[in-house]
Amino acid sequence: MRKLLGILMIISVLGGCKKTEKTTVEVDTEALEFNYQKMPEKSNINPDATAIVENWQQFKDLNASVDVLYKATNNEDLALAIDDLIEKEKNMANGKYPEPFDTFQVKSRQSVMRTFLYKVKASILENQPTTEPTVKVLEAYNDMRNQLNVIMNSQLDKKLILDET
């Protein structure tokens, strides 16, 4: 019995001393890098909306920050641009909207943009791919700009429709 116990001890010690290969996780850094060439073009605002937007300081600040986002070429630049955009979007949400643009349609598109801004920030912090969420931010921004055009092009008078007298 002692011999059997001794043999089992020797086998377990030798088995425990077995060298293990160190495995390293290879991260595809090319997939994580920000691809600035896939960003959509910024949509235009019609002249009627431009006249109102020129006096809306929070929107002008947000627009300037989006221009900085278009100039980002790597994840570090993107992180700085996203932080600035989040701050400008908060200022716009807390600010006063011009009368024709103080609608749920504009605010909901701004909320969608805010959601995608936080998604990009999370992707940066967790070393995830950042190109797709950044494209979504810019699409949401373009949707908000297009909504400004829709509001200015609308020929419907809400007072006439809602007036029940």
N, C-alpha and C. Protein backbone atom coordinates (compact mmCIF):
# COMPACT_ATOMS: atom_id res chain seq x y z
N MET A 1 0.83 -1.18 0.00
CA MET A 1 0.00 0.00 0.00
C MET A 1 0.87 1.25 0.00
N ARG A 2 1.98 1.18 0.77
CA ARG A 2 2.87 2.34 0.81
C ARG A 2 3.52 2.58 -0.54
N LYS A 3 3.88 1.49 -1.22
CA LYS A 3 4.50 1.63 -2.54
C LYS A 3 3.52 2.26 -3.53
N LEU A 4 2.28 1.83 -3.48
CA LEU A 4 1.26 2.38 -4.38
C LEU A 4 1.02 3.87 -4.09
N LEU A 5 1.00 4.22 -2.81
CA LEU A 5 0.84 5.63 -2.43
C LEU A 5 2.04 6.45 -2.88
N GLY A 6 3.23 5.91 -2.76
CA GLY A 6 4.44 6.61 -3.19
C GLY A 6 4.45 6.81 -4.69
N ILE A 7 4.03 5.80 -5.45
CA ILE A 7 3.99 5.91 -6.90
C ILE A 7 2.96 6.96 -7.33
N LEU A 8 1.80 6.97 -6.69
CA LEU A 8 0.78 7.97 -7.01
C LEU A 8 1.25 9.38 -6.70
N MET A 9 1.99 9.54 -5.61
CA MET A 9 2.53 10.86 -5.25
C MET A 9 3.53 11.33 -6.30
N ILE A 10 4.41 10.43 -6.74
CA ILE A 10 5.42 10.79 -7.74
C ILE A 10 4.74 11.16 -9.06
N ILE A 11 3.74 10.40 -9.47
CA ILE A 11 3.02 10.68 -10.72
C ILE A 11 2.28 12.01 -10.64
N SER A 12 1.66 12.26 -9.50
CA SER A 12 0.93 13.52 -9.36
C SER A 12 1.87 14.71 -9.32
N VAL A 13 3.04 14.56 -8.70
CA VAL A 13 4.02 15.66 -8.67
C VAL A 13 4.56 15.91 -10.07
N LEU A 14 4.88 14.85 -10.79
CA LEU A 14 5.41 15.02 -12.14
C LEU A 14 4.33 15.56 -13.07
N GLY A 15 3.12 15.14 -12.90
CA GLY A 15 2.02 15.66 -13.72
C GLY A 15 1.73 17.11 -13.41
N GLY A 16 1.89 17.51 -12.16
CA GLY A 16 1.65 18.90 -11.76
C GLY A 16 2.74 19.84 -12.22
N CYS A 17 3.93 19.31 -12.46
CA CYS A 17 5.05 20.15 -12.89
C CYS A 17 5.12 20.29 -14.40
N LYS A 18 4.15 19.77 -15.07
CA LYS A 18 4.12 19.83 -16.52
C LYS A 18 4.08 21.29 -16.97
N LYS A 19 4.91 21.63 -17.92
CA LYS A 19 4.94 23.01 -18.42
C LYS A 19 3.72 23.26 -19.31
N THR A 20 3.09 24.39 -19.07
CA THR A 20 1.95 24.76 -19.89
C THR A 20 2.34 25.90 -20.81
N GLU A 21 1.77 25.89 -21.98
CA GLU A 21 2.05 26.96 -22.94
C GLU A 21 1.20 28.18 -22.56
N LYS A 22 1.84 29.31 -22.61
CA LYS A 22 1.11 30.54 -22.34
C LYS A 22 0.37 30.95 -23.60
N THR A 23 -0.92 31.14 -23.44
CA THR A 23 -1.72 31.57 -24.58
C THR A 23 -1.96 33.06 -24.46
N THR A 24 -1.76 33.71 -25.55
CA THR A 24 -2.02 35.15 -25.58
C THR A 24 -3.17 35.41 -26.53
N VAL A 25 -3.97 36.32 -26.14
CA VAL A 25 -5.11 36.69 -26.96
C VAL A 25 -4.64 37.73 -27.97
N GLU A 26 -4.81 37.39 -29.22
CA GLU A 26 -4.42 38.33 -30.26
C GLU A 26 -5.63 39.19 -30.62
N VAL A 27 -5.47 40.48 -30.49
CA VAL A 27 -6.54 41.42 -30.80
C VAL A 27 -6.25 42.01 -32.17
N ASP A 28 -7.24 41.96 -33.02
CA ASP A 28 -7.11 42.53 -34.35
C ASP A 28 -7.27 44.04 -34.24
N THR A 29 -6.13 44.73 -34.14
CA THR A 29 -6.19 46.18 -33.94
C THR A 29 -6.71 46.91 -35.16
N GLU A 30 -6.60 46.28 -36.33
CA GLU A 30 -7.12 46.92 -37.53
C GLU A 30 -8.64 47.04 -37.48
N ALA A 31 -9.30 46.03 -36.90
CA ALA A 31 -10.75 46.08 -36.78
C ALA A 31 -11.19 47.11 -35.74
N LEU A 32 -10.33 47.38 -34.75
CA LEU A 32 -10.69 48.33 -33.71
C LEU A 32 -10.41 49.77 -34.11
N GLU A 33 -9.55 49.97 -35.09
CA GLU A 33 -9.20 51.33 -35.50
C GLU A 33 -10.39 52.02 -36.15
N PHE A 34 -10.46 53.30 -35.93
CA PHE A 34 -11.53 54.13 -36.47
C PHE A 34 -11.25 54.38 -37.96
N ASN A 35 -12.22 54.06 -38.80
CA ASN A 35 -12.08 54.27 -40.23
C ASN A 35 -12.85 55.53 -40.61
N TYR A 36 -12.14 56.63 -40.70
CA TYR A 36 -12.77 57.92 -40.95
C TYR A 36 -13.27 58.07 -42.38
N GLN A 37 -12.89 57.16 -43.27
CA GLN A 37 -13.30 57.27 -44.67
C GLN A 37 -14.73 56.77 -44.90
N LYS A 38 -15.32 56.08 -43.94
CA LYS A 38 -16.67 55.55 -44.10
C LYS A 38 -17.75 56.49 -43.58
N MET A 39 -17.38 57.69 -43.17
CA MET A 39 -18.37 58.60 -42.59
C MET A 39 -19.23 59.23 -43.69
N PRO A 40 -20.55 59.32 -43.42
CA PRO A 40 -21.45 59.91 -44.43
C PRO A 40 -21.26 61.43 -44.51
N GLU A 41 -21.64 61.97 -45.65
CA GLU A 41 -21.57 63.42 -45.85
C GLU A 41 -22.60 64.12 -44.97
N LYS A 42 -22.29 65.35 -44.60
CA LYS A 42 -23.22 66.13 -43.79
C LYS A 42 -24.31 66.69 -44.70
N SER A 43 -25.57 66.51 -44.29
CA SER A 43 -26.69 66.99 -45.10
C SER A 43 -26.81 68.51 -44.98
N ASN A 44 -27.38 69.11 -45.99
CA ASN A 44 -27.53 70.56 -46.04
C ASN A 44 -28.83 71.00 -45.37
N ILE A 45 -28.81 72.23 -44.89
CA ILE A 45 -30.01 72.84 -44.33
C ILE A 45 -30.49 73.89 -45.33
N ASN A 46 -31.80 73.92 -45.57
CA ASN A 46 -32.31 74.86 -46.55
C ASN A 46 -32.18 76.30 -46.04
N PRO A 47 -32.27 77.29 -46.93
CA PRO A 47 -32.04 78.69 -46.54
C PRO A 47 -32.98 79.21 -45.45
N ASP A 48 -34.24 78.76 -45.45
CA ASP A 48 -35.18 79.22 -44.43
C ASP A 48 -34.75 78.75 -43.04
N ALA A 49 -34.34 77.50 -42.95
CA ALA A 49 -33.89 76.96 -41.68
C ALA A 49 -32.55 77.56 -41.27
N THR A 50 -31.70 77.83 -42.25
CA THR A 50 -30.39 78.41 -41.96
C THR A 50 -30.53 79.77 -41.30
N ALA A 51 -31.50 80.55 -41.73
CA ALA A 51 -31.71 81.88 -41.15
C ALA A 51 -32.05 81.77 -39.66
N ILE A 52 -32.81 80.76 -39.28
CA ILE A 52 -33.17 80.59 -37.87
C ILE A 52 -32.01 79.99 -37.09
N VAL A 53 -31.31 79.02 -37.70
CA VAL A 53 -30.21 78.31 -37.02
C VAL A 53 -29.03 79.25 -36.74
N GLU A 54 -28.84 80.27 -37.56
CA GLU A 54 -27.72 81.20 -37.35
C GLU A 54 -27.82 81.93 -36.01
N ASN A 55 -29.02 82.07 -35.48
CA ASN A 55 -29.20 82.73 -34.18
C ASN A 55 -29.30 81.74 -33.02
N TRP A 56 -29.16 80.47 -33.29
CA TRP A 56 -29.27 79.41 -32.28
C TRP A 56 -27.86 78.97 -31.91
N GLN A 57 -27.31 79.54 -30.85
CA GLN A 57 -25.91 79.34 -30.49
C GLN A 57 -25.59 77.88 -30.14
N GLN A 58 -26.48 77.21 -29.42
CA GLN A 58 -26.21 75.82 -29.03
C GLN A 58 -26.09 74.91 -30.25
N PHE A 59 -26.92 75.15 -31.27
CA PHE A 59 -26.85 74.34 -32.48
C PHE A 59 -25.57 74.64 -33.25
N LYS A 60 -25.17 75.91 -33.27
CA LYS A 60 -23.93 76.27 -33.94
C LYS A 60 -22.73 75.62 -33.26
N ASP A 61 -22.74 75.55 -31.93
CA ASP A 61 -21.66 74.88 -31.20
C ASP A 61 -21.64 73.39 -31.50
N LEU A 62 -22.82 72.77 -31.54
CA LEU A 62 -22.91 71.35 -31.87
C LEU A 62 -22.40 71.10 -33.29
N ASN A 63 -22.77 71.98 -34.21
CA ASN A 63 -22.32 71.86 -35.59
C ASN A 63 -20.80 71.96 -35.69
N ALA A 64 -20.20 72.87 -34.93
CA ALA A 64 -18.73 73.00 -34.93
C ALA A 64 -18.08 71.73 -34.38
N SER A 65 -18.68 71.12 -33.37
CA SER A 65 -18.13 69.89 -32.81
C SER A 65 -18.26 68.73 -33.78
N VAL A 66 -19.32 68.71 -34.56
CA VAL A 66 -19.47 67.67 -35.57
C VAL A 66 -18.40 67.85 -36.65
N ASP A 67 -18.08 69.09 -36.98
CA ASP A 67 -17.00 69.33 -37.93
C ASP A 67 -15.68 68.77 -37.41
N VAL A 68 -15.44 68.89 -36.11
CA VAL A 68 -14.23 68.31 -35.51
C VAL A 68 -14.28 66.79 -35.61
N LEU A 69 -15.45 66.21 -35.44
CA LEU A 69 -15.61 64.76 -35.56
C LEU A 69 -15.24 64.30 -36.97
N TYR A 70 -15.61 65.07 -37.97
CA TYR A 70 -15.25 64.72 -39.35
C TYR A 70 -13.74 64.77 -39.57
N LYS A 71 -13.02 65.53 -38.78
CA LYS A 71 -11.57 65.64 -38.93
C LYS A 71 -10.81 64.57 -38.16
N ALA A 72 -11.51 63.80 -37.33
CA ALA A 72 -10.85 62.75 -36.53
C ALA A 72 -10.35 61.65 -37.46
N THR A 73 -9.10 61.21 -37.22
CA THR A 73 -8.51 60.18 -38.06
C THR A 73 -8.11 58.93 -37.29
N ASN A 74 -8.18 58.98 -35.94
CA ASN A 74 -7.84 57.80 -35.15
C ASN A 74 -8.70 57.80 -33.88
N ASN A 75 -8.55 56.76 -33.08
CA ASN A 75 -9.39 56.61 -31.89
C ASN A 75 -9.15 57.70 -30.85
N GLU A 76 -7.93 58.20 -30.76
CA GLU A 76 -7.64 59.25 -29.78
C GLU A 76 -8.36 60.55 -30.15
N ASP A 77 -8.28 60.91 -31.43
CA ASP A 77 -9.00 62.10 -31.90
C ASP A 77 -10.51 61.91 -31.74
N LEU A 78 -10.96 60.69 -32.03
CA LEU A 78 -12.38 60.39 -31.92
C LEU A 78 -12.86 60.53 -30.48
N ALA A 79 -12.06 60.05 -29.53
CA ALA A 79 -12.45 60.13 -28.11
C ALA A 79 -12.62 61.59 -27.68
N LEU A 80 -11.69 62.44 -28.09
CA LEU A 80 -11.79 63.87 -27.74
C LEU A 80 -13.01 64.51 -28.40
N ALA A 81 -13.24 64.18 -29.67
CA ALA A 81 -14.38 64.75 -30.39
C ALA A 81 -15.70 64.30 -29.77
N ILE A 82 -15.79 63.04 -29.38
CA ILE A 82 -17.03 62.51 -28.80
C ILE A 82 -17.30 63.17 -27.44
N ASP A 83 -16.26 63.33 -26.62
CA ASP A 83 -16.45 64.01 -25.33
C ASP A 83 -16.97 65.43 -25.53
N ASP A 84 -16.41 66.12 -26.51
CA ASP A 84 -16.85 67.49 -26.80
C ASP A 84 -18.29 67.49 -27.32
N LEU A 85 -18.61 66.53 -28.18
CA LEU A 85 -19.98 66.45 -28.71
C LEU A 85 -20.99 66.16 -27.62
N ILE A 86 -20.64 65.29 -26.68
CA ILE A 86 -21.56 64.98 -25.59
C ILE A 86 -21.85 66.25 -24.78
N GLU A 87 -20.80 67.02 -24.52
CA GLU A 87 -20.97 68.26 -23.76
C GLU A 87 -21.85 69.26 -24.52
N LYS A 88 -21.60 69.41 -25.82
CA LYS A 88 -22.38 70.36 -26.63
C LYS A 88 -23.84 69.90 -26.75
N GLU A 89 -24.04 68.59 -26.85
CA GLU A 89 -25.41 68.08 -26.94
C GLU A 89 -26.16 68.32 -25.65
N LYS A 90 -25.49 68.18 -24.51
CA LYS A 90 -26.13 68.47 -23.21
C LYS A 90 -26.52 69.95 -23.13
N ASN A 91 -25.62 70.83 -23.59
CA ASN A 91 -25.92 72.26 -23.59
C ASN A 91 -27.12 72.57 -24.48
N MET A 92 -27.19 71.89 -25.62
CA MET A 92 -28.31 72.11 -26.53
C MET A 92 -29.62 71.60 -25.92
N ALA A 93 -29.57 70.45 -25.27
CA ALA A 93 -30.78 69.88 -24.66
C ALA A 93 -31.29 70.77 -23.53
N ASN A 94 -30.38 71.39 -22.78
CA ASN A 94 -30.77 72.24 -21.66
C ASN A 94 -31.06 73.67 -22.09
N GLY A 95 -30.70 74.02 -23.32
CA GLY A 95 -30.88 75.39 -23.80
C GLY A 95 -32.28 75.63 -24.32
N LYS A 96 -32.45 76.82 -24.88
CA LYS A 96 -33.74 77.23 -25.42
C LYS A 96 -33.72 77.00 -26.93
N TYR A 97 -34.75 76.35 -27.43
CA TYR A 97 -34.89 76.08 -28.85
C TYR A 97 -35.61 77.25 -29.51
N PRO A 98 -35.28 77.57 -30.75
CA PRO A 98 -36.06 78.58 -31.47
C PRO A 98 -37.50 78.10 -31.64
N GLU A 99 -38.42 79.00 -31.74
CA GLU A 99 -39.86 78.68 -31.74
C GLU A 99 -40.26 77.62 -32.76
N PRO A 100 -39.87 77.69 -34.02
CA PRO A 100 -40.35 76.64 -34.93
C PRO A 100 -39.71 75.27 -34.67
N PHE A 101 -38.55 75.25 -34.04
CA PHE A 101 -37.84 73.99 -33.81
C PHE A 101 -38.04 73.43 -32.41
N ASP A 102 -38.88 74.05 -31.62
CA ASP A 102 -39.15 73.57 -30.27
C ASP A 102 -40.25 72.51 -30.34
N THR A 103 -39.94 71.40 -31.02
CA THR A 103 -40.91 70.33 -31.25
C THR A 103 -40.34 69.00 -30.77
N PHE A 104 -41.25 68.05 -30.60
CA PHE A 104 -40.82 66.71 -30.19
C PHE A 104 -40.04 66.02 -31.30
N GLN A 105 -40.31 66.37 -32.55
CA GLN A 105 -39.60 65.73 -33.66
C GLN A 105 -38.11 66.03 -33.61
N VAL A 106 -37.75 67.27 -33.36
CA VAL A 106 -36.34 67.65 -33.28
C VAL A 106 -35.71 67.08 -32.01
N LYS A 107 -36.42 67.17 -30.91
CA LYS A 107 -35.87 66.68 -29.64
C LYS A 107 -35.69 65.16 -29.64
N SER A 108 -36.58 64.43 -30.31
CA SER A 108 -36.43 62.98 -30.35
C SER A 108 -35.23 62.59 -31.21
N ARG A 109 -35.00 63.30 -32.29
CA ARG A 109 -33.82 63.01 -33.11
C ARG A 109 -32.54 63.37 -32.36
N GLN A 110 -32.60 64.39 -31.56
CA GLN A 110 -31.46 64.74 -30.72
C GLN A 110 -31.22 63.65 -29.67
N SER A 111 -32.28 63.09 -29.14
CA SER A 111 -32.16 62.01 -28.17
C SER A 111 -31.53 60.77 -28.79
N VAL A 112 -31.88 60.47 -30.04
CA VAL A 112 -31.27 59.35 -30.74
C VAL A 112 -29.79 59.60 -30.94
N MET A 113 -29.45 60.82 -31.29
CA MET A 113 -28.04 61.18 -31.46
C MET A 113 -27.29 61.00 -30.14
N ARG A 114 -27.89 61.42 -29.03
CA ARG A 114 -27.27 61.28 -27.71
C ARG A 114 -27.00 59.80 -27.41
N THR A 115 -27.96 58.95 -27.73
CA THR A 115 -27.81 57.51 -27.50
C THR A 115 -26.60 56.97 -28.25
N PHE A 116 -26.46 57.34 -29.51
CA PHE A 116 -25.34 56.84 -30.30
C PHE A 116 -24.02 57.46 -29.85
N LEU A 117 -24.05 58.69 -29.34
CA LEU A 117 -22.82 59.28 -28.79
C LEU A 117 -22.31 58.45 -27.62
N TYR A 118 -23.22 58.05 -26.74
CA TYR A 118 -22.80 57.23 -25.59
C TYR A 118 -22.38 55.84 -26.03
N LYS A 119 -22.95 55.36 -27.12
CA LYS A 119 -22.54 54.05 -27.63
C LYS A 119 -21.10 54.13 -28.17
N VAL A 120 -20.76 55.20 -28.85
CA VAL A 120 -19.39 55.38 -29.34
C VAL A 120 -18.43 55.49 -28.16
N LYS A 121 -18.82 56.26 -27.15
CA LYS A 121 -17.95 56.42 -25.98
C LYS A 121 -17.72 55.07 -25.30
N ALA A 122 -18.76 54.25 -25.18
CA ALA A 122 -18.60 52.92 -24.59
C ALA A 122 -17.70 52.04 -25.45
N SER A 123 -17.82 52.14 -26.75
CA SER A 123 -16.97 51.36 -27.65
C SER A 123 -15.52 51.75 -27.50
N ILE A 124 -15.26 53.03 -27.32
CA ILE A 124 -13.88 53.49 -27.14
C ILE A 124 -13.33 52.97 -25.82
N LEU A 125 -14.10 53.07 -24.75
CA LEU A 125 -13.64 52.65 -23.43
C LEU A 125 -13.43 51.14 -23.34
N GLU A 126 -14.20 50.37 -24.10
CA GLU A 126 -14.11 48.91 -24.03
C GLU A 126 -13.29 48.32 -25.16
N ASN A 127 -12.57 49.16 -25.91
CA ASN A 127 -11.74 48.71 -27.03
C ASN A 127 -12.53 47.88 -28.03
N GLN A 128 -13.68 48.37 -28.40
CA GLN A 128 -14.54 47.75 -29.40
C GLN A 128 -14.42 48.56 -30.70
N PRO A 129 -14.85 48.01 -31.82
CA PRO A 129 -14.83 48.78 -33.08
C PRO A 129 -15.68 50.05 -32.95
N THR A 130 -15.18 51.15 -33.47
CA THR A 130 -15.85 52.44 -33.29
C THR A 130 -16.42 53.03 -34.57
N THR A 131 -16.12 52.44 -35.70
CA THR A 131 -16.56 53.03 -36.97
C THR A 131 -18.07 53.00 -37.12
N GLU A 132 -18.69 51.85 -36.88
CA GLU A 132 -20.14 51.72 -37.09
C GLU A 132 -20.94 52.63 -36.17
N PRO A 133 -20.65 52.69 -34.85
CA PRO A 133 -21.44 53.61 -34.02
C PRO A 133 -21.21 55.08 -34.38
N THR A 134 -20.02 55.42 -34.87
CA THR A 134 -19.75 56.80 -35.27
C THR A 134 -20.58 57.15 -36.51
N VAL A 135 -20.70 56.22 -37.42
CA VAL A 135 -21.54 56.44 -38.60
C VAL A 135 -22.98 56.64 -38.16
N LYS A 136 -23.43 55.88 -37.17
CA LYS A 136 -24.80 56.03 -36.65
C LYS A 136 -25.01 57.42 -36.03
N VAL A 137 -23.99 57.94 -35.33
CA VAL A 137 -24.08 59.29 -34.75
C VAL A 137 -24.29 60.30 -35.87
N LEU A 138 -23.50 60.18 -36.92
CA LEU A 138 -23.60 61.14 -38.01
C LEU A 138 -24.91 61.00 -38.77
N GLU A 139 -25.42 59.78 -38.89
CA GLU A 139 -26.73 59.59 -39.52
C GLU A 139 -27.83 60.23 -38.68
N ALA A 140 -27.73 60.09 -37.36
CA ALA A 140 -28.72 60.72 -36.46
C ALA A 140 -28.62 62.24 -36.55
N TYR A 141 -27.42 62.76 -36.65
CA TYR A 141 -27.22 64.21 -36.80
C TYR A 141 -27.84 64.69 -38.12
N ASN A 142 -27.60 63.93 -39.20
CA ASN A 142 -28.18 64.29 -40.49
C ASN A 142 -29.70 64.22 -40.45
N ASP A 143 -30.23 63.24 -39.73
CA ASP A 143 -31.69 63.15 -39.59
C ASP A 143 -32.25 64.36 -38.86
N MET A 144 -31.53 64.84 -37.86
CA MET A 144 -31.98 66.04 -37.14
C MET A 144 -31.95 67.25 -38.07
N ARG A 145 -30.90 67.38 -38.87
CA ARG A 145 -30.82 68.49 -39.84
C ARG A 145 -31.93 68.39 -40.88
N ASN A 146 -32.20 67.17 -41.33
CA ASN A 146 -33.29 66.99 -42.30
C ASN A 146 -34.64 67.32 -41.69
N GLN A 147 -34.81 67.04 -40.40
CA GLN A 147 -36.07 67.38 -39.73
C GLN A 147 -36.25 68.90 -39.67
N LEU A 148 -35.17 69.65 -39.51
CA LEU A 148 -35.27 71.11 -39.54
C LEU A 148 -35.78 71.56 -40.91
N ASN A 149 -35.30 70.91 -41.97
CA ASN A 149 -35.78 71.23 -43.32
C ASN A 149 -37.26 70.89 -43.47
N VAL A 150 -37.67 69.75 -42.94
CA VAL A 150 -39.07 69.33 -43.04
C VAL A 150 -39.98 70.33 -42.33
N ILE A 151 -39.56 70.78 -41.18
CA ILE A 151 -40.36 71.74 -40.42
C ILE A 151 -40.51 73.04 -41.21
N MET A 152 -39.42 73.49 -41.81
CA MET A 152 -39.48 74.75 -42.56
C MET A 152 -40.25 74.61 -43.87
N ASN A 153 -40.26 73.42 -44.46
CA ASN A 153 -40.95 73.20 -45.73
C ASN A 153 -42.42 72.86 -45.55
N SER A 154 -42.84 72.62 -44.32
CA SER A 154 -44.23 72.22 -44.06
C SER A 154 -45.16 73.40 -44.35
N GLN A 155 -46.20 73.12 -45.10
CA GLN A 155 -47.17 74.14 -45.46
C GLN A 155 -48.40 74.11 -44.57
N LEU A 156 -48.45 73.16 -43.64
CA LEU A 156 -49.61 73.02 -42.78
C LEU A 156 -49.57 74.03 -41.64
N ASP A 157 -50.71 74.62 -41.37
CA ASP A 157 -50.84 75.54 -40.25
C ASP A 157 -51.51 74.77 -39.10
N LYS A 158 -50.77 74.50 -38.07
CA LYS A 158 -51.29 73.70 -36.96
C LYS A 158 -52.47 74.37 -36.27
N LYS A 159 -52.47 75.68 -36.23
CA LYS A 159 -53.57 76.39 -35.57
C LYS A 159 -54.88 76.19 -36.31
N LEU A 160 -54.84 76.15 -37.63
CA LEU A 160 -56.06 75.93 -38.39
C LEU A 160 -56.56 74.49 -38.23
N ILE A 161 -55.65 73.55 -38.15
CA ILE A 161 -56.05 72.14 -38.02
C ILE A 161 -56.62 71.87 -36.65
N LEU A 162 -56.01 72.42 -35.62
CA LEU A 162 -56.41 72.14 -34.23
C LEU A 162 -57.53 73.05 -33.74
N ASP A 163 -57.88 74.08 -34.49
CA ASP A 163 -58.94 74.99 -34.08
C ASP A 163 -60.29 74.33 -34.30
N GLU A 164 -61.05 74.18 -33.24
CA GLU A 164 -62.32 73.48 -33.34
C GLU A 164 -63.52 74.44 -33.23
N THR A 165 -63.33 75.71 -33.33
CA THR A 165 -64.44 76.66 -33.21
C THR A 165 -65.20 76.82 -34.47
